[in-house]
Amino acid sequence: HRGLEVTDEVIDGSQSRIIDQAENRMHAQKGLMVWLLTEAKDQ
C-alpha cells in the first residue's frame, strides 16, 4: 500500500520490482484459476 507500507520513492524508484511482481502474481493466479476450473469440469 503506497504511503502506508512503502514510500513513494521506493515504489517509483529505478530498482523497484513491484510492477513485475504484480504481473507475475496475476499470471500465476490466472493459471491456478484455469487449472481449478478445468479439474472441476473433468470430474
PDB file of N, CA and C in Angstrom:
ATOM      1  N   HIS A   1       0.829  -1.167   0.000  1.00  0.00           N
ATOM      2  CA  HIS A   1       0.000   0.000   0.000  1.00  0.00           C
ATOM      3  C   HIS A   1       0.882   1.242   0.000  1.00  0.00           C
ATOM      4  N   ARG A   2       0.740   1.988  -1.058  1.00  0.00           N
ATOM      5  CA  ARG A   2       1.542   3.193  -1.244  1.00  0.00           C
ATOM      6  C   ARG A   2       1.323   4.153  -0.074  1.00  0.00           C
ATOM      7  N   GLY A   3       2.418   4.576   0.517  1.00  0.00           N
ATOM      8  CA  GLY A   3       2.354   5.540   1.605  1.00  0.00           C
ATOM      9  C   GLY A   3       2.130   4.925   2.971  1.00  0.00           C
ATOM     10  N   LEU A   4       1.634   3.699   3.023  1.00  0.00           N
ATOM     11  CA  LEU A   4       1.415   3.037   4.306  1.00  0.00           C
ATOM     12  C   LEU A   4       2.512   2.017   4.590  1.00  0.00           C
ATOM     13  N   GLU A   5       2.742   1.116   3.640  1.00  0.00           N
ATOM     14  CA  GLU A   5       3.755   0.084   3.821  1.00  0.00           C
ATOM     15  C   GLU A   5       5.071   0.457   3.154  1.00  0.00           C
ATOM     16  N   VAL A   6       4.982   1.183   2.057  1.00  0.00           N
ATOM     17  CA  VAL A   6       6.160   1.536   1.264  1.00  0.00           C
ATOM     18  C   VAL A   6       6.048   2.998   0.846  1.00  0.00           C
ATOM     19  N   THR A   7       7.163   3.694   0.888  1.00  0.00           N
ATOM     20  CA  THR A   7       7.146   5.102   0.478  1.00  0.00           C
ATOM     21  C   THR A   7       7.061   5.217  -1.040  1.00  0.00           C
ATOM     22  N   ASP A   8       6.603   6.354  -1.497  1.00  0.00           N
ATOM     23  CA  ASP A   8       6.510   6.611  -2.937  1.00  0.00           C
ATOM     24  C   ASP A   8       7.867   6.474  -3.617  1.00  0.00           C
ATOM     25  N   GLU A   9       8.914   6.919  -2.935  1.00  0.00           N
ATOM     26  CA  GLU A   9      10.252   6.872  -3.525  1.00  0.00           C
ATOM     27  C   GLU A   9      10.683   5.440  -3.815  1.00  0.00           C
ATOM     28  N   VAL A  10      10.346   4.522  -2.933  1.00  0.00           N
ATOM     29  CA  VAL A  10      10.715   3.117  -3.131  1.00  0.00           C
ATOM     30  C   VAL A  10       9.894   2.514  -4.263  1.00  0.00           C
ATOM     31  N   ILE A  11       8.607   2.763  -4.281  1.00  0.00           N
ATOM     32  CA  ILE A  11       7.740   2.212  -5.327  1.00  0.00           C
ATOM     33  C   ILE A  11       8.136   2.737  -6.696  1.00  0.00           C
ATOM     34  N   ASP A  12       8.408   4.017  -6.788  1.00  0.00           N
ATOM     35  CA  ASP A  12       8.702   4.650  -8.071  1.00  0.00           C
ATOM     36  C   ASP A  12      10.183   4.641  -8.425  1.00  0.00           C
ATOM     37  N   GLY A  13      11.016   4.080  -7.564  1.00  0.00           N
ATOM     38  CA  GLY A  13      12.453   4.086  -7.797  1.00  0.00           C
ATOM     39  C   GLY A  13      12.862   3.247  -9.001  1.00  0.00           C
ATOM     40  N   SER A  14      14.054   3.515  -9.495  1.00  0.00           N
ATOM     41  CA  SER A  14      14.531   2.836 -10.708  1.00  0.00           C
ATOM     42  C   SER A  14      14.761   1.346 -10.490  1.00  0.00           C
ATOM     43  N   GLN A  15      14.974   0.909  -9.261  1.00  0.00           N
ATOM     44  CA  GLN A  15      15.209  -0.505  -8.982  1.00  0.00           C
ATOM     45  C   GLN A  15      13.961  -1.222  -8.472  1.00  0.00           C
ATOM     46  N   SER A  16      12.850  -0.553  -8.461  1.00  0.00           N
ATOM     47  CA  SER A  16      11.610  -1.148  -7.968  1.00  0.00           C
ATOM     48  C   SER A  16      11.176  -2.298  -8.869  1.00  0.00           C
ATOM     49  N   ARG A  17      10.766  -3.390  -8.266  1.00  0.00           N
ATOM     50  CA  ARG A  17      10.297  -4.570  -9.000  1.00  0.00           C
ATOM     51  C   ARG A  17       8.824  -4.856  -8.708  1.00  0.00           C
ATOM     52  N   ILE A  18       8.141  -3.893  -8.141  1.00  0.00           N
ATOM     53  CA  ILE A  18       6.762  -4.097  -7.704  1.00  0.00           C
ATOM     54  C   ILE A  18       5.838  -4.405  -8.875  1.00  0.00           C
ATOM     55  N   ILE A  19       5.964  -3.679  -9.976  1.00  0.00           N
ATOM     56  CA  ILE A  19       5.095  -3.908 -11.133  1.00  0.00           C
ATOM     57  C   ILE A  19       5.356  -5.293 -11.718  1.00  0.00           C
ATOM     58  N   ASP A  20       6.633  -5.683 -11.822  1.00  0.00           N
ATOM     59  CA  ASP A  20       6.971  -7.017 -12.334  1.00  0.00           C
ATOM     60  C   ASP A  20       6.391  -8.108 -11.436  1.00  0.00           C
ATOM     61  N   GLN A  21       6.510  -7.936 -10.133  1.00  0.00           N
ATOM     62  CA  GLN A  21       5.985  -8.920  -9.197  1.00  0.00           C
ATOM     63  C   GLN A  21       4.466  -9.001  -9.274  1.00  0.00           C
ATOM     64  N   ALA A  22       3.809  -7.868  -9.406  1.00  0.00           N
ATOM     65  CA  ALA A  22       2.349  -7.860  -9.512  1.00  0.00           C
ATOM     66  C   ALA A  22       1.903  -8.569 -10.788  1.00  0.00           C
ATOM     67  N   GLU A  23       2.625  -8.353 -11.880  1.00  0.00           N
ATOM     68  CA  GLU A  23       2.269  -9.022 -13.135  1.00  0.00           C
ATOM     69  C   GLU A  23       2.475 -10.532 -13.014  1.00  0.00           C
ATOM     70  N   ASN A  24       3.578 -10.948 -12.412  1.00  0.00           N
ATOM     71  CA  ASN A  24       3.822 -12.376 -12.224  1.00  0.00           C
ATOM     72  C   ASN A  24       2.744 -13.014 -11.355  1.00  0.00           C
ATOM     73  N   ARG A  25       2.335 -12.317 -10.303  1.00  0.00           N
ATOM     74  CA  ARG A  25       1.284 -12.839  -9.425  1.00  0.00           C
ATOM     75  C   ARG A  25      -0.028 -12.991 -10.191  1.00  0.00           C
ATOM     76  N   MET A  26      -0.337 -12.010 -11.041  1.00  0.00           N
ATOM     77  CA  MET A  26      -1.571 -12.068 -11.817  1.00  0.00           C
ATOM     78  C   MET A  26      -1.577 -13.305 -12.720  1.00  0.00           C
ATOM     79  N   HIS A  27      -0.457 -13.561 -13.406  1.00  0.00           N
ATOM     80  CA  HIS A  27      -0.391 -14.713 -14.297  1.00  0.00           C
ATOM     81  C   HIS A  27      -0.474 -16.026 -13.515  1.00  0.00           C
ATOM     82  N   ALA A  28       0.150 -16.075 -12.356  1.00  0.00           N
ATOM     83  CA  ALA A  28       0.081 -17.272 -11.519  1.00  0.00           C
ATOM     84  C   ALA A  28      -1.352 -17.520 -11.053  1.00  0.00           C
ATOM     85  N   GLN A  29      -2.049 -16.472 -10.654  1.00  0.00           N
ATOM     86  CA  GLN A  29      -3.434 -16.614 -10.208  1.00  0.00           C
ATOM     87  C   GLN A  29      -4.338 -17.053 -11.356  1.00  0.00           C
ATOM     88  N   LYS A  30      -4.112 -16.495 -12.538  1.00  0.00           N
ATOM     89  CA  LYS A  30      -4.910 -16.896 -13.706  1.00  0.00           C
ATOM     90  C   LYS A  30      -4.671 -18.361 -14.037  1.00  0.00           C
ATOM     91  N   GLY A  31      -3.418 -18.791 -13.982  1.00  0.00           N
ATOM     92  CA  GLY A  31      -3.095 -20.186 -14.258  1.00  0.00           C
ATOM     93  C   GLY A  31      -3.746 -21.124 -13.263  1.00  0.00           C
ATOM     94  N   LEU A  32      -3.715 -20.771 -12.004  1.00  0.00           N
ATOM     95  CA  LEU A  32      -4.349 -21.585 -10.973  1.00  0.00           C
ATOM     96  C   LEU A  32      -5.853 -21.651 -11.179  1.00  0.00           C
ATOM     97  N   MET A  33      -6.460 -20.528 -11.526  1.00  0.00           N
ATOM     98  CA  MET A  33      -7.902 -20.492 -11.746  1.00  0.00           C
ATOM     99  C   MET A  33      -8.296 -21.383 -12.928  1.00  0.00           C
ATOM    100  N   VAL A  34      -7.530 -21.314 -14.014  1.00  0.00           N
ATOM    101  CA  VAL A  34      -7.809 -22.163 -15.177  1.00  0.00           C
ATOM    102  C   VAL A  34      -7.668 -23.627 -14.797  1.00  0.00           C
ATOM    103  N   TRP A  35      -6.611 -23.957 -14.068  1.00  0.00           N
ATOM    104  CA  TRP A  35      -6.392 -25.344 -13.656  1.00  0.00           C
ATOM    105  C   TRP A  35      -7.536 -25.836 -12.773  1.00  0.00           C
ATOM    106  N   LEU A  36      -7.949 -25.021 -11.807  1.00  0.00           N
ATOM    107  CA  LEU A  36      -9.042 -25.421 -10.918  1.00  0.00           C
ATOM    108  C   LEU A  36     -10.349 -25.602 -11.688  1.00  0.00           C
ATOM    109  N   LEU A  37     -10.640 -24.702 -12.609  1.00  0.00           N
ATOM    110  CA  LEU A  37     -11.873 -24.813 -13.387  1.00  0.00           C
ATOM    111  C   LEU A  37     -11.832 -26.017 -14.320  1.00  0.00           C
ATOM    112  N   THR A  38     -10.674 -26.312 -14.873  1.00  0.00           N
ATOM    113  CA  THR A  38     -10.533 -27.471 -15.754  1.00  0.00           C
ATOM    114  C   THR A  38     -10.704 -28.762 -14.963  1.00  0.00           C
ATOM    115  N   GLU A  39     -10.105 -28.826 -13.799  1.00  0.00           N
ATOM    116  CA  GLU A  39     -10.231 -30.012 -12.954  1.00  0.00           C
ATOM    117  C   GLU A  39     -11.681 -30.219 -12.526  1.00  0.00           C
ATOM    118  N   ALA A  40     -12.378 -29.158 -12.176  1.00  0.00           N
ATOM    119  CA  ALA A  40     -13.775 -29.268 -11.746  1.00  0.00           C
ATOM    120  C   ALA A  40     -14.655 -29.738 -12.898  1.00  0.00           C
ATOM    121  N   LYS A  41     -14.356 -29.289 -14.101  1.00  0.00           N
ATOM    122  CA  LYS A  41     -15.145 -29.674 -15.270  1.00  0.00           C
ATOM    123  C   LYS A  41     -14.943 -31.148 -15.604  1.00  0.00           C
ATOM    124  N   ASP A  42     -13.737 -31.657 -15.390  1.00  0.00           N
ATOM    125  CA  ASP A  42     -13.419 -33.039 -15.730  1.00  0.00           C
ATOM    126  C   ASP A  42     -14.008 -34.037 -14.742  1.00  0.00           C
ATOM    127  N   GLN A  43     -14.485 -33.577 -13.614  1.00  0.00           N
ATOM    128  CA  GLN A  43     -14.984 -34.527 -12.608  1.00  0.00           C
ATOM    129  C   GLN A  43     -16.466 -34.653 -12.618  1.00  0.00           C
TER     130      GLN A  43
END
